[in-house]
PDB file of N, CA and C in Angstrom:
ATOM      1  N   MET A   1     -43.664-143.527  32.339  1.00  0.00           N
ATOM      2  CA  MET A   1     -42.986-143.295  33.591  1.00  0.00           C
ATOM      3  C   MET A   1     -41.529-142.975  33.289  1.00  0.00           C
ATOM      4  N   THR A   2     -41.023-141.949  33.913  1.00  0.00           N
ATOM      5  CA  THR A   2     -39.619-141.617  33.735  1.00  0.00           C
ATOM      6  C   THR A   2     -38.953-141.470  35.091  1.00  0.00           C
ATOM      7  N   ASN A   3     -37.688-141.760  35.111  1.00  0.00           N
ATOM      8  CA  ASN A   3     -36.873-141.626  36.298  1.00  0.00           C
ATOM      9  C   ASN A   3     -35.467-141.308  35.836  1.00  0.00           C
ATOM     10  N   HIS A   4     -34.852-140.300  36.419  1.00  0.00           N
ATOM     11  CA  HIS A   4     -33.540-139.859  35.949  1.00  0.00           C
ATOM     12  C   HIS A   4     -32.489-140.959  36.030  1.00  0.00           C
ATOM     13  N   LEU A   5     -32.490-141.746  37.098  1.00  0.00           N
ATOM     14  CA  LEU A   5     -31.502-142.816  37.220  1.00  0.00           C
ATOM     15  C   LEU A   5     -31.722-143.880  36.149  1.00  0.00           C
ATOM     16  N   PHE A   6     -32.981-144.266  35.945  1.00  0.00           N
ATOM     17  CA  PHE A   6     -33.260-145.255  34.907  1.00  0.00           C
ATOM     18  C   PHE A   6     -32.945-144.686  33.525  1.00  0.00           C
ATOM     19  N   ASP A   7     -33.287-143.425  33.300  1.00  0.00           N
ATOM     20  CA  ASP A   7     -32.996-142.790  32.011  1.00  0.00           C
ATOM     21  C   ASP A   7     -31.495-142.764  31.738  1.00  0.00           C
ATOM     22  N   ALA A   8     -30.676-142.518  32.763  1.00  0.00           N
ATOM     23  CA  ALA A   8     -29.218-142.523  32.593  1.00  0.00           C
ATOM     24  C   ALA A   8     -28.729-143.927  32.261  1.00  0.00           C
ATOM     25  N   PHE A   9     -29.282-144.922  32.931  1.00  0.00           N
ATOM     26  CA  PHE A   9     -28.929-146.314  32.644  1.00  0.00           C
ATOM     27  C   PHE A   9     -29.288-146.658  31.204  1.00  0.00           C
ATOM     28  N   ARG A  10     -30.480-146.269  30.807  1.00  0.00           N
ATOM     29  CA  ARG A  10     -30.950-146.579  29.454  1.00  0.00           C
ATOM     30  C   ARG A  10     -30.120-145.856  28.391  1.00  0.00           C
ATOM     31  N   ALA A  11     -29.706-144.637  28.669  1.00  0.00           N
ATOM     32  CA  ALA A  11     -28.933-143.863  27.701  1.00  0.00           C
ATOM     33  C   ALA A  11     -27.559-144.482  27.437  1.00  0.00           C
ATOM     34  N   SER A  12     -27.047-145.224  28.392  1.00  0.00           N
ATOM     35  CA  SER A  12     -25.722-145.826  28.217  1.00  0.00           C
ATOM     36  C   SER A  12     -25.796-147.273  27.717  1.00  0.00           C
ATOM     37  N   MET A  13     -26.987-147.740  27.403  1.00  0.00           N
ATOM     38  CA  MET A  13     -27.161-149.122  26.940  1.00  0.00           C
ATOM     39  C   MET A  13     -26.616-149.308  25.530  1.00  0.00           C
ATOM     40  N   PRO A  14     -26.070-150.495  25.264  1.00  0.00           N
ATOM     41  CA  PRO A  14     -25.725-150.822  23.876  1.00  0.00           C
ATOM     42  C   PRO A  14     -27.004-151.157  23.102  1.00  0.00           C
ATOM     43  N   ALA A  15     -26.865-151.715  21.937  1.00  0.00           N
ATOM     44  CA  ALA A  15     -28.023-152.080  21.112  1.00  0.00           C
ATOM     45  C   ALA A  15     -28.960-153.005  21.896  1.00  0.00           C
ATOM     46  N   PRO A  16     -30.277-152.812  21.745  1.00  0.00           N
ATOM     47  CA  PRO A  16     -31.240-153.602  22.509  1.00  0.00           C
ATOM     48  C   PRO A  16     -31.094-155.116  22.349  1.00  0.00           C
ATOM     49  N   GLY A  17     -30.612-155.563  21.200  1.00  0.00           N
ATOM     50  CA  GLY A  17     -30.489-156.994  20.980  1.00  0.00           C
ATOM     51  C   GLY A  17     -29.302-157.634  21.681  1.00  0.00           C
ATOM     52  N   GLN A  18     -28.415-156.821  22.214  1.00  0.00           N
ATOM     53  CA  GLN A  18     -27.242-157.382  22.882  1.00  0.00           C
ATOM     54  C   GLN A  18     -27.625-158.012  24.206  1.00  0.00           C
ATOM     55  N   VAL A  19     -26.830-158.974  24.619  1.00  0.00           N
ATOM     56  CA  VAL A  19     -27.107-159.712  25.850  1.00  0.00           C
ATOM     57  C   VAL A  19     -26.720-158.878  27.066  1.00  0.00           C
ATOM     58  N   LEU A  20     -27.667-158.725  27.966  1.00  0.00           N
ATOM     59  CA  LEU A  20     -27.433-158.050  29.238  1.00  0.00           C
ATOM     60  C   LEU A  20     -26.833-159.024  30.241  1.00  0.00           C
ATOM     61  N   MET A  21     -27.414-160.238  30.295  1.00  0.00           N
ATOM     62  CA  MET A  21     -26.912-161.255  31.225  1.00  0.00           C
ATOM     63  C   MET A  21     -27.245-162.647  30.737  1.00  0.00           C
ATOM     64  N   GLU A  22     -26.425-163.561  31.161  1.00  0.00           N
ATOM     65  CA  GLU A  22     -26.665-164.983  30.934  1.00  0.00           C
ATOM     66  C   GLU A  22     -26.755-165.643  32.296  1.00  0.00           C
ATOM     67  N   THR A  23     -27.730-166.515  32.444  1.00  0.00           N
ATOM     68  CA  THR A  23     -27.946-167.155  33.739  1.00  0.00           C
ATOM     69  C   THR A  23     -27.252-168.504  33.795  1.00  0.00           C
ATOM     70  N   ASP A  24     -27.115-169.008  35.010  1.00  0.00           N
ATOM     71  CA  ASP A  24     -26.482-170.321  35.199  1.00  0.00           C
ATOM     72  C   ASP A  24     -27.257-171.437  34.509  1.00  0.00           C
ATOM     73  N   ASP A  25     -28.565-171.246  34.335  1.00  0.00           N
ATOM     74  CA  ASP A  25     -29.369-172.292  33.690  1.00  0.00           C
ATOM     75  C   ASP A  25     -29.439-172.118  32.175  1.00  0.00           C
ATOM     76  N   GLY A  26     -28.620-171.214  31.629  1.00  0.00           N
ATOM     77  CA  GLY A  26     -28.505-171.098  30.182  1.00  0.00           C
ATOM     78  C   GLY A  26     -29.399-170.062  29.525  1.00  0.00           C
ATOM     79  N   ARG A  27     -30.179-169.330  30.300  1.00  0.00           N
ATOM     80  CA  ARG A  27     -31.020-168.294  29.703  1.00  0.00           C
ATOM     81  C   ARG A  27     -30.180-167.075  29.364  1.00  0.00           C
ATOM     82  N   SER A  28     -30.561-166.402  28.288  1.00  0.00           N
ATOM     83  CA  SER A  28     -29.973-165.116  27.931  1.00  0.00           C
ATOM     84  C   SER A  28     -31.060-164.067  28.016  1.00  0.00           C
ATOM     85  N   ILE A  29     -30.725-162.954  28.634  1.00  0.00           N
ATOM     86  CA  ILE A  29     -31.652-161.838  28.743  1.00  0.00           C
ATOM     87  C   ILE A  29     -31.000-160.658  28.043  1.00  0.00           C
ATOM     88  N   SER A  30     -31.667-160.172  27.005  1.00  0.00           N
ATOM     89  CA  SER A  30     -31.131-159.047  26.239  1.00  0.00           C
ATOM     90  C   SER A  30     -31.557-157.730  26.885  1.00  0.00           C
ATOM     91  N   TYR A  31     -30.956-156.665  26.418  1.00  0.00           N
ATOM     92  CA  TYR A  31     -31.368-155.346  26.886  1.00  0.00           C
ATOM     93  C   TYR A  31     -32.835-155.087  26.515  1.00  0.00           C
ATOM     94  N   ALA A  32     -33.255-155.557  25.351  1.00  0.00           N
ATOM     95  CA  ALA A  32     -34.664-155.399  24.953  1.00  0.00           C
ATOM     96  C   ALA A  32     -35.580-156.159  25.909  1.00  0.00           C
ATOM     97  N   ASP A  33     -35.174-157.382  26.289  1.00  0.00           N
ATOM     98  CA  ASP A  33     -35.947-158.155  27.268  1.00  0.00           C
ATOM     99  C   ASP A  33     -36.051-157.392  28.577  1.00  0.00           C
ATOM    100  N   MET A  34     -34.919-156.822  29.012  1.00  0.00           N
ATOM    101  CA  MET A  34     -34.893-156.073  30.261  1.00  0.00           C
ATOM    102  C   MET A  34     -35.854-154.894  30.202  1.00  0.00           C
ATOM    103  N   LEU A  35     -35.850-154.184  29.087  1.00  0.00           N
ATOM    104  CA  LEU A  35     -36.758-153.045  28.953  1.00  0.00           C
ATOM    105  C   LEU A  35     -38.215-153.496  29.014  1.00  0.00           C
ATOM    106  N   ALA A  36     -38.531-154.580  28.314  1.00  0.00           N
ATOM    107  CA  ALA A  36     -39.912-155.069  28.284  1.00  0.00           C
ATOM    108  C   ALA A  36     -40.357-155.567  29.657  1.00  0.00           C
ATOM    109  N   TRP A  37     -39.521-156.389  30.302  1.00  0.00           N
ATOM    110  CA  TRP A  37     -39.905-156.945  31.601  1.00  0.00           C
ATOM    111  C   TRP A  37     -39.960-155.877  32.679  1.00  0.00           C
ATOM    112  N   SER A  38     -38.989-154.968  32.692  1.00  0.00           N
ATOM    113  CA  SER A  38     -39.014-153.931  33.734  1.00  0.00           C
ATOM    114  C   SER A  38     -40.218-153.009  33.528  1.00  0.00           C
ATOM    115  N   ALA A  39     -40.622-152.782  32.282  1.00  0.00           N
ATOM    116  CA  ALA A  39     -41.827-151.982  32.028  1.00  0.00           C
ATOM    117  C   ALA A  39     -43.068-152.701  32.549  1.00  0.00           C
ATOM    118  N   ARG A  40     -43.164-154.007  32.292  1.00  0.00           N
ATOM    119  CA  ARG A  40     -44.317-154.778  32.793  1.00  0.00           C
ATOM    120  C   ARG A  40     -44.367-154.729  34.315  1.00  0.00           C
ATOM    121  N   PHE A  41     -43.204-154.957  34.938  1.00  0.00           N
ATOM    122  CA  PHE A  41     -43.153-154.929  36.402  1.00  0.00           C
ATOM    123  C   PHE A  41     -43.506-153.535  36.928  1.00  0.00           C
ATOM    124  N   ALA A  42     -43.005-152.482  36.281  1.00  0.00           N
ATOM    125  CA  ALA A  42     -43.297-151.114  36.720  1.00  0.00           C
ATOM    126  C   ALA A  42     -44.796-150.832  36.636  1.00  0.00           C
ATOM    127  N   HIS A  43     -45.425-151.266  35.559  1.00  0.00           N
ATOM    128  CA  HIS A  43     -46.871-151.065  35.427  1.00  0.00           C
ATOM    129  C   HIS A  43     -47.630-151.855  36.499  1.00  0.00           C
ATOM    130  N   ALA A  44     -47.147-153.047  36.842  1.00  0.00           N
ATOM    131  CA  ALA A  44     -47.780-153.833  37.906  1.00  0.00           C
ATOM    132  C   ALA A  44     -47.635-153.123  39.254  1.00  0.00           C
ATOM    133  N   LEU A  45     -46.471-152.526  39.492  1.00  0.00           N
ATOM    134  CA  LEU A  45     -46.272-151.776  40.739  1.00  0.00           C
ATOM    135  C   LEU A  45     -47.258-150.612  40.824  1.00  0.00           C
ATOM    136  N   VAL A  46     -47.376-149.870  39.749  1.00  0.00           N
ATOM    137  CA  VAL A  46     -48.293-148.720  39.721  1.00  0.00           C
ATOM    138  C   VAL A  46     -49.739-149.196  39.889  1.00  0.00           C
ATOM    139  N   ALA A  47     -50.085-150.291  39.229  1.00  0.00           N
ATOM    140  CA  ALA A  47     -51.438-150.846  39.362  1.00  0.00           C
ATOM    141  C   ALA A  47     -51.727-151.287  40.792  1.00  0.00           C
ATOM    142  N   ALA A  48     -50.667-151.660  41.523  1.00  0.00           N
ATOM    143  CA  ALA A  48     -50.823-152.066  42.922  1.00  0.00           C
ATOM    144  C   ALA A  48     -50.846-150.862  43.860  1.00  0.00           C
ATOM    145  N   GLY A  49     -50.763-149.654  43.296  1.00  0.00           N
ATOM    146  CA  GLY A  49     -50.880-148.451  44.112  1.00  0.00           C
ATOM    147  C   GLY A  49     -49.573-147.768  44.464  1.00  0.00           C
ATOM    148  N   VAL A  50     -48.459-148.233  43.917  1.00  0.00           N
ATOM    149  CA  VAL A  50     -47.161-147.625  44.212  1.00  0.00           C
ATOM    150  C   VAL A  50     -47.058-146.283  43.480  1.00  0.00           C
ATOM    151  N   LEU A  51     -46.705-145.258  44.239  1.00  0.00           N
ATOM    152  CA  LEU A  51     -46.534-143.908  43.708  1.00  0.00           C
ATOM    153  C   LEU A  51     -45.067-143.512  43.757  1.00  0.00           C
ATOM    154  N   PRO A  52     -44.662-142.532  42.964  1.00  0.00           N
ATOM    155  CA  PRO A  52     -43.269-142.071  43.037  1.00  0.00           C
ATOM    156  C   PRO A  52     -42.901-141.688  44.472  1.00  0.00           C
ATOM    157  N   GLY A  53     -41.749-142.169  44.913  1.00  0.00           N
ATOM    158  CA  GLY A  53     -41.277-141.910  46.270  1.00  0.00           C
ATOM    159  C   GLY A  53     -41.658-142.976  47.273  1.00  0.00           C
ATOM    160  N   ASP A  54     -42.637-143.831  46.929  1.00  0.00           N
ATOM    161  CA  ASP A  54     -43.016-144.921  47.829  1.00  0.00           C
ATOM    162  C   ASP A  54     -41.895-145.943  47.913  1.00  0.00           C
ATOM    163  N   ARG A  55     -41.851-146.626  49.056  1.00  0.00           N
ATOM    164  CA  ARG A  55     -40.892-147.703  49.226  1.00  0.00           C
ATOM    165  C   ARG A  55     -41.539-149.035  48.883  1.00  0.00           C
ATOM    166  N   VAL A  56     -40.743-149.873  48.193  1.00  0.00           N
ATOM    167  CA  VAL A  56     -41.168-151.227  47.871  1.00  0.00           C
ATOM    168  C   VAL A  56     -40.167-152.156  48.547  1.00  0.00           C
ATOM    169  N   ALA A  57     -40.611-152.842  49.590  1.00  0.00           N
ATOM    170  CA  ALA A  57     -39.755-153.790  50.299  1.00  0.00           C
ATOM    171  C   ALA A  57     -39.734-155.096  49.509  1.00  0.00           C
ATOM    172  N   VAL A  58     -38.541-155.613  49.282  1.00  0.00           N
ATOM    173  CA  VAL A  58     -38.392-156.802  48.449  1.00  0.00           C
ATOM    174  C   VAL A  58     -37.551-157.830  49.195  1.00  0.00           C
ATOM    175  N   GLN A  59     -38.154-158.987  49.460  1.00  0.00           N
ATOM    176  CA  GLN A  59     -37.434-160.075  50.114  1.00  0.00           C
ATOM    177  C   GLN A  59     -37.545-161.306  49.225  1.00  0.00           C
ATOM    178  N   VAL A  60     -36.616-161.397  48.295  1.00  0.00           N
ATOM    179  CA  VAL A  60     -36.586-162.508  47.338  1.00  0.00           C
ATOM    180  C   VAL A  60     -35.138-162.955  47.150  1.00  0.00           C
ATOM    181  N   GLU A  61     -34.978-164.127  46.575  1.00  0.00           N
ATOM    182  CA  GLU A  61     -33.645-164.621  46.258  1.00  0.00           C
ATOM    183  C   GLU A  61     -33.018-163.745  45.183  1.00  0.00           C
ATOM    184  N   LYS A  62     -31.711-163.795  45.091  1.00  0.00           N
ATOM    185  CA  LYS A  62     -30.990-163.041  44.065  1.00  0.00           C
ATOM    186  C   LYS A  62     -31.157-163.761  42.729  1.00  0.00           C
ATOM    187  N   THR A  63     -31.959-163.164  41.859  1.00  0.00           N
ATOM    188  CA  THR A  63     -32.262-163.746  40.558  1.00  0.00           C
ATOM    189  C   THR A  63     -32.278-162.627  39.517  1.00  0.00           C
ATOM    190  N   PRO A  64     -32.272-162.988  38.244  1.00  0.00           N
ATOM    191  CA  PRO A  64     -32.438-161.964  37.215  1.00  0.00           C
ATOM    192  C   PRO A  64     -33.754-161.197  37.385  1.00  0.00           C
ATOM    193  N   GLU A  65     -34.788-161.889  37.807  1.00  0.00           N
ATOM    194  CA  GLU A  65     -36.082-161.231  38.001  1.00  0.00           C
ATOM    195  C   GLU A  65     -36.012-160.193  39.120  1.00  0.00           C
ATOM    196  N   ALA A  66     -35.212-160.446  40.148  1.00  0.00           N
ATOM    197  CA  ALA A  66     -35.041-159.465  41.216  1.00  0.00           C
ATOM    198  C   ALA A  66     -34.374-158.199  40.676  1.00  0.00           C
ATOM    199  N   LEU A  67     -33.411-158.367  39.793  1.00  0.00           N
ATOM    200  CA  LEU A  67     -32.775-157.207  39.158  1.00  0.00           C
ATOM    201  C   LEU A  67     -33.790-156.450  38.300  1.00  0.00           C
ATOM    202  N   LEU A  68     -34.629-157.176  37.581  1.00  0.00           N
ATOM    203  CA  LEU A  68     -35.659-156.531  36.768  1.00  0.00           C
ATOM    204  C   LEU A  68     -36.661-155.787  37.644  1.00  0.00           C
ATOM    205  N   LEU A  69     -36.951-156.333  38.808  1.00  0.00           N
ATOM    206  CA  LEU A  69     -37.843-155.644  39.745  1.00  0.00           C
ATOM    207  C   LEU A  69     -37.191-154.364  40.264  1.00  0.00           C
ATOM    208  N   TYR A  70     -35.891-154.410  40.525  1.00  0.00           N
ATOM    209  CA  TYR A  70     -35.169-153.197  40.933  1.00  0.00           C
ATOM    210  C   TYR A  70     -35.307-152.117  39.857  1.00  0.00           C
ATOM    211  N   LEU A  71     -35.066-152.514  38.609  1.00  0.00           N
ATOM    212  CA  LEU A  71     -35.179-151.550  37.502  1.00  0.00           C
ATOM    213  C   LEU A  71     -36.621-151.055  37.357  1.00  0.00           C
ATOM    214  N   ALA A  72     -37.588-151.925  37.618  1.00  0.00           N
ATOM    215  CA  ALA A  72     -38.996-151.511  37.570  1.00  0.00           C
ATOM    216  C   ALA A  72     -39.291-150.463  38.639  1.00  0.00           C
ATOM    217  N   CYS A  73     -38.718-150.647  39.817  1.00  0.00           N
ATOM    218  CA  CYS A  73     -38.899-149.648  40.874  1.00  0.00           C
ATOM    219  C   CYS A  73     -38.340-148.309  40.421  1.00  0.00           C
ATOM    220  N   LEU A  74     -37.167-148.334  39.793  1.00  0.00           N
ATOM    221  CA  LEU A  74     -36.603-147.087  39.269  1.00  0.00           C
ATOM    222  C   LEU A  74     -37.556-146.449  38.268  1.00  0.00           C
ATOM    223  N   ARG A  75     -38.061-147.264  37.361  1.00  0.00           N
ATOM    224  CA  ARG A  75     -38.960-146.745  36.326  1.00  0.00           C
ATOM    225  C   ARG A  75     -40.210-146.119  36.929  1.00  0.00           C
ATOM    226  N   ALA A  76     -40.707-146.724  38.002  1.00  0.00           N
ATOM    227  CA  ALA A  76     -41.932-146.237  38.637  1.00  0.00           C
ATOM    228  C   ALA A  76     -41.651-145.090  39.615  1.00  0.00           C
ATOM    229  N   GLY A  77     -40.376-144.781  39.823  1.00  0.00           N
ATOM    230  CA  GLY A  77     -40.021-143.717  40.760  1.00  0.00           C
ATOM    231  C   GLY A  77     -40.064-144.155  42.205  1.00  0.00           C
ATOM    232  N   ALA A  78     -40.124-145.461  42.434  1.00  0.00           N
ATOM    233  CA  ALA A  78     -40.204-145.998  43.791  1.00  0.00           C
ATOM    234  C   ALA A  78     -38.802-146.253  44.348  1.00  0.00           C
ATOM    235  N   VAL A  79     -38.751-146.402  45.649  1.00  0.00           N
ATOM    236  CA  VAL A  79     -37.506-146.711  46.344  1.00  0.00           C
ATOM    237  C   VAL A  79     -37.481-148.219  46.586  1.00  0.00           C
ATOM    238  N   PHE A  80     -36.456-148.874  46.080  1.00  0.00           N
ATOM    239  CA  PHE A  80     -36.284-150.320  46.227  1.00  0.00           C
ATOM    240  C   PHE A  80     -35.624-150.578  47.575  1.00  0.00           C
ATOM    241  N   LEU A  81     -36.288-151.333  48.437  1.00  0.00           N
ATOM    242  CA  LEU A  81     -35.757-151.664  49.754  1.00  0.00           C
ATOM    243  C   LEU A  81     -35.478-153.161  49.803  1.00  0.00           C
ATOM    244  N   PRO A  82     -34.222-153.574  49.533  1.00  0.00           N
ATOM    245  CA  PRO A  82     -33.917-155.004  49.555  1.00  0.00           C
ATOM    246  C   PRO A  82     -33.823-155.518  50.986  1.00  0.00           C
ATOM    247  N   LEU A  83     -34.425-156.656  51.227  1.00  0.00           N
ATOM    248  CA  LEU A  83     -34.390-157.286  52.541  1.00  0.00           C
ATOM    249  C   LEU A  83     -33.793-158.681  52.411  1.00  0.00           C
ATOM    250  N   ASN A  84     -32.859-158.982  53.269  1.00  0.00           N
ATOM    251  CA  ASN A  84     -32.197-160.280  53.272  1.00  0.00           C
ATOM    252  C   ASN A  84     -33.224-161.383  53.499  1.00  0.00           C
ATOM    253  N   THR A  85     -33.090-162.467  52.757  1.00  0.00           N
ATOM    254  CA  THR A  85     -34.038-163.577  52.904  1.00  0.00           C
ATOM    255  C   THR A  85     -33.863-164.315  54.228  1.00  0.00           C
ATOM    256  N   ALA A  86     -32.789-164.051  54.948  1.00  0.00           N
ATOM    257  CA  ALA A  86     -32.556-164.707  56.236  1.00  0.00           C
ATOM    258  C   ALA A  86     -33.066-163.890  57.423  1.00  0.00           C
ATOM    259  N   TYR A  87     -33.647-162.714  57.184  1.00  0.00           N
ATOM    260  CA  TYR A  87     -34.145-161.901  58.296  1.00  0.00           C
ATOM    261  C   TYR A  87     -35.222-162.647  59.062  1.00  0.00           C
ATOM    262  N   THR A  88     -35.201-162.464  60.368  1.00  0.00           N
ATOM    263  CA  THR A  88     -36.222-163.054  61.233  1.00  0.00           C
ATOM    264  C   THR A  88     -37.458-162.144  61.237  1.00  0.00           C
ATOM    265  N   LEU A  89     -38.546-162.639  61.779  1.00  0.00           N
ATOM    266  CA  LEU A  89     -39.767-161.832  61.855  1.00  0.00           C
ATOM    267  C   LEU A  89     -39.558-160.532  62.640  1.00  0.00           C
ATOM    268  N   PRO A  90     -38.860-160.557  63.794  1.00  0.00           N
ATOM    269  CA  PRO A  90     -38.624-159.277  64.483  1.00  0.00           C
ATOM    270  C   PRO A  90     -37.800-158.294  63.632  1.00  0.00           C
ATOM    271  N   GLU A  91     -36.844-158.800  62.879  1.00  0.00           N
ATOM    272  CA  GLU A  91     -36.058-157.921  62.010  1.00  0.00           C
ATOM    273  C   GLU A  91     -36.939-157.335  60.903  1.00  0.00           C
ATOM    274  N   LEU A  92     -37.772-158.169  60.300  1.00  0.00           N
ATOM    275  CA  LEU A  92     -38.682-157.677  59.271  1.00  0.00           C
ATOM    276  C   LEU A  92     -39.648-156.643  59.849  1.00  0.00           C
ATOM    277  N   ASP A  93     -40.143-156.914  61.044  1.00  0.00           N
ATOM    278  CA  ASP A  93     -41.045-155.973  61.701  1.00  0.00           C
ATOM    279  C   ASP A  93     -40.370-154.611  61.856  1.00  0.00           C
ATOM    280  N   TYR A  94     -39.105-154.606  62.248  1.00  0.00           N
ATOM    281  CA  TYR A  94     -38.370-153.353  62.381  1.00  0.00           C
ATOM    282  C   TYR A  94     -38.336-152.602  61.047  1.00  0.00           C
ATOM    283  N   PHE A  95     -37.942-153.299  59.982  1.00  0.00           N
ATOM    284  CA  PHE A  95     -37.835-152.646  58.677  1.00  0.00           C
ATOM    285  C   PHE A  95     -39.191-152.146  58.184  1.00  0.00           C
ATOM    286  N   PHE A  96     -40.227-152.941  58.365  1.00  0.00           N
ATOM    287  CA  PHE A  96     -41.552-152.524  57.905  1.00  0.00           C
ATOM    288  C   PHE A  96     -42.051-151.307  58.683  1.00  0.00           C
ATOM    289  N   ARG A  97     -41.818-151.283  59.983  1.00  0.00           N
ATOM    290  CA  ARG A  97     -42.250-150.131  60.787  1.00  0.00           C
ATOM    291  C   ARG A  97     -41.432-148.891  60.446  1.00  0.00           C
ATOM    292  N   ASP A  98     -40.140-149.080  60.237  1.00  0.00           N
ATOM    293  CA  ASP A  98     -39.264-147.944  59.960  1.00  0.00           C
ATOM    294  C   ASP A  98     -39.484-147.381  58.556  1.00  0.00           C
ATOM    295  N   ALA A  99     -39.541-148.256  57.561  1.00  0.00           N
ATOM    296  CA  ALA A  99     -39.613-147.807  56.165  1.00  0.00           C
ATOM    297  C   ALA A  99     -41.036-147.539  55.689  1.00  0.00           C
ATOM    298  N   GLU A 100     -42.009-148.162  56.336  1.00  0.00           N
ATOM    299  CA  GLU A 100     -43.411-148.038  55.936  1.00  0.00           C
ATOM    300  C   GLU A 100     -43.590-148.238  54.431  1.00  0.00           C
ATOM    301  N   PRO A 101     -43.201-149.412  53.928  1.00  0.00           N
ATOM    302  CA  PRO A 101     -43.323-149.641  52.482  1.00  0.00           C
ATOM    303  C   PRO A 101     -44.779-149.657  52.038  1.00  0.00           C
ATOM    304  N   ARG A 102     -44.998-149.175  50.830  1.00  0.00           N
ATOM    305  CA  ARG A 102     -46.334-149.220  50.229  1.00  0.00           C
ATOM    306  C   ARG A 102     -46.664-150.660  49.836  1.00  0.00           C
ATOM    307  N   LEU A 103     -45.607-151.390  49.446  1.00  0.00           N
ATOM    308  CA  LEU A 103     -45.792-152.743  48.930  1.00  0.00           C
ATOM    309  C   LEU A 103     -44.646-153.617  49.411  1.00  0.00           C
ATOM    310  N   VAL A 104     -44.955-154.876  49.684  1.00  0.00           N
ATOM    311  CA  VAL A 104     -43.939-155.866  50.033  1.00  0.00           C
ATOM    312  C   VAL A 104     -43.999-156.957  48.978  1.00  0.00           C
ATOM    313  N   VAL A 105     -42.841-157.260  48.389  1.00  0.00           N
ATOM    314  CA  VAL A 105     -42.734-158.348  47.422  1.00  0.00           C
ATOM    315  C   VAL A 105     -41.898-159.434  48.060  1.00  0.00           C
ATOM    316  N   CYS A 106     -42.449-160.641  48.088  1.00  0.00           N
ATOM    317  CA  CYS A 106     -41.726-161.761  48.699  1.00  0.00           C
ATOM    318  C   CYS A 106     -42.120-163.050  47.978  1.00  0.00           C
ATOM    319  N   ASP A 107     -41.431-164.114  48.341  1.00  0.00           N
ATOM    320  CA  ASP A 107     -41.735-165.435  47.801  1.00  0.00           C
ATOM    321  C   ASP A 107     -42.843-166.027  48.668  1.00  0.00           C
ATOM    322  N   PRO A 108     -44.043-166.221  48.125  1.00  0.00           N
ATOM    323  CA  PRO A 108     -45.142-166.730  48.957  1.00  0.00           C
ATOM    324  C   PRO A 108     -44.871-168.112  49.541  1.00  0.00           C
ATOM    325  N   GLU A 109     -43.985-168.859  48.923  1.00  0.00           N
ATOM    326  CA  GLU A 109     -43.646-170.177  49.460  1.00  0.00           C
ATOM    327  C   GLU A 109     -42.892-170.084  50.775  1.00  0.00           C
ATOM    328  N   LYS A 110     -42.271-168.936  51.039  1.00  0.00           N
ATOM    329  CA  LYS A 110     -41.459-168.773  52.235  1.00  0.00           C
ATOM    330  C   LYS A 110     -42.156-168.003  53.334  1.00  0.00           C
ATOM    331  N   VAL A 111     -43.377-167.545  53.087  1.00  0.00           N
ATOM    332  CA  VAL A 111     -44.131-166.815  54.093  1.00  0.00           C
ATOM    333  C   VAL A 111     -44.804-167.829  55.005  1.00  0.00           C
ATOM    334  N   LYS A 112     -44.537-167.683  56.284  1.00  0.00           N
ATOM    335  CA  LYS A 112     -45.121-168.647  57.250  1.00  0.00           C
ATOM    336  C   LYS A 112     -45.820-167.928  58.356  1.00  0.00           C
TER     337      LYS A 112
END
């Protein structure tokens, strides 16, 4: 899977072993980790039926994994549609009707 935006990001990356981010809980995620995880996520998106140009609505907390999912959407050619975790059901209904996402990613613990 290729995407011009992701390819530009990848072309400007330092060495894969360098740290991309460090989390508050002490984890380090390298550029190599980012490439591996975003590839896995991108393949999962495609396996779930996401095609280039499809929208993927995402309502999750701000985490390193959410960033990796964003990069996976780029890799798969999908449009990442971030949704605030505080949106009410009527607000979500509006976004889902308007954007018609192919896939919705959310925290199942928060779905009621």
